[in-house]
Protein backbone atom coordinates (compact mmCIF):
# COMPACT_ATOMS: atom_id res chain seq x y z
CA UNK A 1 6.97 -10.98 -16.63
CA UNK A 2 5.91 -14.15 -15.01
CA UNK A 3 2.28 -14.20 -13.95
CA UNK A 4 1.56 -17.09 -11.25
CA UNK A 5 -1.55 -17.70 -9.40
CA UNK A 6 -1.94 -17.26 -5.31
CA UNK A 7 -2.47 -20.81 -3.77
CA UNK A 8 -6.18 -21.51 -3.47
CA UNK A 9 -6.30 -24.52 -1.53
CA UNK A 10 -9.52 -26.88 -1.61
CA UNK A 11 -11.65 -24.89 1.05
CA UNK A 12 -11.19 -21.88 -0.80
CA UNK A 13 -12.54 -23.15 -4.27
CA UNK A 14 -15.36 -24.89 -2.38
CA UNK A 15 -16.35 -21.58 -0.82
CA UNK A 16 -16.06 -19.63 -4.39
CA UNK A 17 -18.22 -22.86 -5.86
CA UNK A 18 -20.62 -22.39 -3.20
CA UNK A 19 -21.31 -18.80 -3.41
CA UNK A 20 -21.35 -18.61 -7.13
CA UNK A 21 -24.15 -21.51 -6.80
CA UNK A 22 -25.92 -18.88 -4.71
CA UNK A 23 -25.64 -15.58 -6.08
CA UNK A 24 -23.86 -16.07 -9.41
CA UNK A 25 -20.97 -13.65 -8.59
CA UNK A 26 -18.18 -13.77 -5.97
CA UNK A 27 -14.72 -12.16 -5.51
CA UNK A 28 -11.82 -14.22 -5.10
CA UNK A 29 -9.24 -12.10 -2.89
CA UNK A 30 -5.00 -12.48 -3.47
CA UNK A 31 -5.70 -14.11 -6.73
CA UNK A 32 -2.35 -13.69 -8.01
CA UNK A 33 0.99 -14.04 -5.99
CA UNK A 34 2.14 -10.65 -4.82
CA UNK A 35 4.96 -10.21 -6.87
CA UNK A 36 2.61 -11.14 -9.83
CA UNK A 37 0.14 -8.52 -9.00
CA UNK A 38 2.65 -5.78 -8.68
CA UNK A 39 4.27 -6.21 -11.71
CA UNK A 40 1.01 -6.19 -13.95
CA UNK A 41 -0.41 -3.16 -12.04
CA UNK A 42 3.11 -1.26 -13.21
CA UNK A 43 2.43 -2.35 -16.82
CA UNK A 44 -0.89 -1.31 -17.37
CA UNK A 45 -0.34 1.97 -15.22
CA UNK A 46 2.03 2.88 -17.82
CA UNK A 47 0.07 1.68 -20.84
CA UNK A 48 -1.55 4.30 -23.48
CA UNK A 49 -4.94 4.06 -23.98
CA UNK A 50 -8.14 5.05 -26.07
CA UNK A 51 -11.07 6.57 -24.38
CA UNK A 52 -14.12 4.64 -25.26
CA UNK A 53 -17.71 5.66 -25.16
CA UNK A 54 -21.16 4.80 -27.04
CA UNK A 55 -22.99 6.98 -29.80
CA UNK A 56 -26.40 6.21 -31.64
CA UNK A 57 -24.12 4.37 -34.64
CA UNK A 58 -22.44 2.10 -31.61
CA UNK A 59 -19.02 1.75 -30.19
CA UNK A 60 -16.77 4.83 -30.01
CA UNK A 61 -12.76 4.84 -29.70
CA UNK A 62 -11.16 7.97 -29.34
CA UNK A 63 -7.45 8.54 -29.00
CA UNK A 64 -5.97 10.92 -26.63
CA UNK A 65 -4.10 12.55 -29.58
CA UNK A 66 -7.32 12.98 -31.22
CA UNK A 67 -9.19 14.50 -28.26
CA UNK A 68 -6.44 17.00 -27.68
CA UNK A 69 -7.45 18.28 -30.98
CA UNK A 70 -10.70 19.38 -29.73
CA UNK A 71 -11.21 22.99 -28.72
CA UNK A 72 -12.66 23.69 -25.55
CA UNK A 73 -16.32 23.98 -26.91
CA UNK A 74 -15.96 20.87 -28.32
CA UNK A 75 -14.98 18.93 -25.55
CA UNK A 76 -17.62 20.29 -23.35
CA UNK A 77 -20.27 19.63 -26.50
CA UNK A 78 -18.93 15.56 -26.62
CA UNK A 79 -18.95 15.42 -22.65
CA UNK A 80 -22.43 16.76 -22.54
CA UNK A 81 -23.70 14.56 -25.07
CA UNK A 82 -22.34 11.55 -23.33
CA UNK A 83 -23.61 12.45 -20.26
CA UNK A 84 -27.16 13.33 -21.35
CA UNK A 85 -27.36 9.82 -23.39
CA UNK A 86 -26.60 8.13 -19.97
CA UNK A 87 -29.68 9.19 -18.65
CA UNK A 88 -31.86 6.85 -20.41
CA UNK A 89 -29.56 4.73 -22.71
CA UNK A 90 -26.83 2.05 -22.32
CA UNK A 91 -23.89 4.13 -21.82
CA UNK A 92 -20.20 4.39 -20.77
CA UNK A 93 -16.86 6.32 -20.45
CA UNK A 94 -13.51 5.03 -19.40
CA UNK A 95 -10.06 4.16 -20.65
CA UNK A 96 -9.14 1.05 -23.09
CA UNK A 97 -6.49 -0.96 -23.98
CA UNK A 98 -7.88 -3.88 -26.41
CA UNK A 99 -5.27 -6.52 -25.18
CA UNK A 100 -6.92 -9.51 -26.88
CA UNK A 101 -7.49 -7.91 -30.14
CA UNK A 102 -4.16 -6.33 -30.48
CA UNK A 103 -2.62 -9.78 -29.69
CA UNK A 104 -4.74 -11.22 -32.61
CA UNK A 105 -3.80 -8.40 -35.11
CA UNK A 106 -0.15 -8.47 -33.96
CA UNK A 107 0.28 -5.00 -32.72
CA UNK A 108 0.49 -5.73 -28.79
CA UNK A 109 4.03 -5.59 -26.95
CA UNK A 110 5.16 -8.72 -25.61
CA UNK A 111 4.12 -7.97 -22.40
CA UNK A 112 0.21 -8.41 -23.21
CA UNK A 113 0.76 -11.44 -25.26
CA UNK A 114 2.42 -12.71 -22.14
CA UNK A 115 -0.80 -11.78 -20.34
CA UNK A 116 -2.85 -13.47 -23.02
CA UNK A 117 -1.09 -16.52 -22.90
CA UNK A 118 -1.45 -16.76 -19.20
CA UNK A 119 -5.19 -15.88 -19.41
CA UNK A 120 -5.81 -18.95 -21.87
CA UNK A 121 -2.94 -21.11 -20.13
CA UNK A 122 -4.11 -24.63 -18.48
CA UNK A 123 -3.59 -23.30 -15.23
CA UNK A 124 -6.12 -20.02 -15.13
CA UNK A 125 -8.48 -21.89 -17.10
CA UNK A 126 -8.43 -25.16 -15.13
CA UNK A 127 -9.20 -23.19 -12.42
CA UNK A 128 -11.58 -21.26 -13.59
CA UNK A 129 -13.70 -24.26 -14.80
CA UNK A 130 -13.38 -25.79 -11.22
CA UNK A 131 -14.80 -23.11 -9.33
CA UNK A 132 -17.50 -22.11 -11.93
CA UNK A 133 -18.51 -25.43 -12.44
CA UNK A 134 -18.67 -24.45 -16.32
CA UNK A 135 -16.55 -27.51 -18.32
CA UNK A 136 -17.56 -25.61 -21.74
CA UNK A 137 -15.09 -22.70 -20.69
CA UNK A 138 -12.43 -22.73 -23.56
CA UNK A 139 -10.83 -19.24 -23.75
CA UNK A 140 -10.55 -15.95 -22.03
CA UNK A 141 -10.58 -12.38 -24.24
CA UNK A 142 -9.19 -9.59 -22.48
CA UNK A 143 -8.65 -5.66 -22.50
CA UNK A 144 -7.42 -2.89 -20.14
CA UNK A 145 -9.80 -0.40 -18.62
CA UNK A 146 -8.89 2.73 -16.58
CA UNK A 147 -11.77 4.61 -14.73
CA UNK A 148 -10.71 8.11 -13.88
CA UNK A 149 -12.87 10.67 -12.48
CA UNK A 150 -16.07 11.15 -13.65
CA UNK A 151 -16.07 7.57 -15.87
CA UNK A 152 -19.10 5.02 -15.96
CA UNK A 153 -20.58 1.84 -17.31
CA UNK A 154 -24.19 2.15 -17.28
CA UNK A 155 -26.56 -1.00 -16.74
CA UNK A 156 -25.79 -4.14 -18.85
CA UNK A 157 -26.15 -7.79 -18.54
CA UNK A 158 -22.74 -8.82 -20.80
CA UNK A 159 -25.05 -10.73 -22.52
CA UNK A 160 -23.70 -11.09 -26.36
CA UNK A 161 -25.83 -13.00 -28.98
CA UNK A 162 -23.04 -15.53 -30.52
CA UNK A 163 -20.28 -14.53 -28.21
CA UNK A 164 -20.71 -17.64 -25.71
CA UNK A 165 -20.09 -15.84 -22.80
CA UNK A 166 -20.72 -17.78 -19.40
CA UNK A 167 -18.90 -15.43 -16.96
CA UNK A 168 -17.54 -12.48 -17.11
CA UNK A 169 -14.07 -11.60 -14.93
CA UNK A 170 -12.57 -8.37 -13.37
CA UNK A 171 -8.76 -8.43 -11.93
CA UNK A 172 -8.30 -5.54 -10.06
CA UNK A 173 -5.07 -3.60 -10.47
CA UNK A 174 -5.55 -0.60 -8.18
CA UNK A 175 -3.51 -0.81 -5.50
CA UNK A 176 -5.43 1.42 -2.86
CA UNK A 177 -9.15 2.39 -3.81
CA UNK A 178 -11.86 3.95 -1.01
CA UNK A 179 -15.54 2.78 -1.38
CA UNK A 180 -16.59 6.63 -1.35
CA UNK A 181 -14.45 6.63 -4.51
CA UNK A 182 -16.74 5.48 -6.51
CA UNK A 183 -16.21 2.79 -9.30
CA UNK A 184 -17.82 -0.09 -7.44
CA UNK A 185 -18.94 -2.79 -9.69
CA UNK A 186 -22.80 -2.80 -8.45
CA UNK A 187 -25.08 -5.70 -8.93
CA UNK A 188 -28.86 -4.87 -9.53
CA UNK A 189 -31.56 -6.32 -7.86
CA UNK A 190 -35.44 -7.10 -9.40
CA UNK A 191 -36.81 -4.71 -6.37
CA UNK A 192 -34.61 -2.07 -7.76
CA UNK A 193 -31.98 -2.10 -5.03
CA UNK A 194 -28.94 -2.78 -5.40
CA UNK A 195 -28.20 -6.30 -4.23
CA UNK A 196 -24.59 -6.04 -3.81
CA UNK A 197 -21.22 -4.22 -4.72
CA UNK A 198 -17.86 -4.85 -4.90
CA UNK A 199 -15.12 -2.28 -4.23
CA UNK A 200 -11.93 -2.87 -6.61
CA UNK A 201 -9.84 -4.25 -4.22
CA UNK A 202 -6.00 -5.07 -5.18
CA UNK A 203 -5.55 -8.16 -6.59
CA UNK A 204 -9.00 -9.28 -6.26
CA UNK A 205 -10.87 -11.19 -8.83
CA UNK A 206 -14.36 -10.82 -9.46
CA UNK A 207 -16.56 -13.57 -11.03
CA UNK A 208 -19.94 -13.01 -12.19
CA UNK A 209 -22.24 -15.04 -14.27
CA UNK A 210 -23.87 -14.05 -17.41
CA UNK A 211 -26.13 -12.72 -17.93
CA UNK A 212 -26.26 -10.65 -14.57
CA UNK A 213 -27.64 -7.18 -14.64
CA UNK A 214 -24.48 -4.68 -13.29
CA UNK A 215 -23.16 -1.72 -13.61
CA UNK A 216 -19.97 0.26 -12.85
CA UNK A 217 -20.86 3.39 -10.66
CA UNK A 218 -18.81 6.69 -11.38
CA UNK A 219 -16.08 7.82 -10.30
CA UNK A 220 -16.07 10.48 -7.69
CA UNK A 221 -14.39 14.12 -8.84
CA UNK A 222 -12.49 13.29 -5.14
CA UNK A 223 -11.27 9.91 -6.13
CA UNK A 224 -7.39 9.93 -5.43
CA UNK A 225 -6.43 7.01 -7.88
CA UNK A 226 -7.45 5.49 -10.91
CA UNK A 227 -9.58 1.98 -11.07
CA UNK A 228 -7.19 0.05 -13.65
CA UNK A 229 -8.33 -3.79 -14.03
CA UNK A 230 -8.41 -6.52 -16.86
CA UNK A 231 -11.74 -7.59 -17.82
CA UNK A 232 -13.32 -9.73 -20.07
CA UNK A 233 -15.16 -12.87 -20.73
CA UNK A 234 -15.00 -16.83 -20.28
CA UNK A 235 -15.99 -18.05 -23.16
CA UNK A 236 -16.93 -21.15 -25.18
CA UNK A 237 -15.90 -21.83 -28.83
């Protein structure tokens, strides 16, 4: 699979720079060429995911095989514990495939090494340095995420000591999505309102400056699709 960035002329880049300077966030439409975006969606849709959440001791990875072994009362208890924790603490529930980590440990299929190489190649990183104005960007990590009905990610800022995260990115890979299905990337204002929210439009690349308070709103039980994206951080070394 060959990944190619769509045409982004000087005016489009200038508009992105201006919006980032003003708000610290932007959405770049038609980021990849059409063939690349659809090919990436197909492999992302077919991947095997873990379910991830958080407990008091930290991050929790749950394989589908392990979840299938739980009894109905155990599944109900786990779901209730996750929802209860989200009432007052940082919490999340979504599906994940750790692209960057799998490439690093040699367990990733070739397609994800191709994706990781693309995200860390000169073309992508040069464009990111250009539109953000952040010359220290030297690498991009990546994970594949899938938000299904009931999935969510509560407020956080992406700040992590020692990680040198300058910007977060989200490459949306869901062909059809409605606003009322939830799963919106919501930016939290100091006044307690949502300052802005991005719909996960297909082949749009979201960029947001770190730190920046935001969340992913819960996907509605009526949602007619899965919110699939490649996400990560543009980092220094």
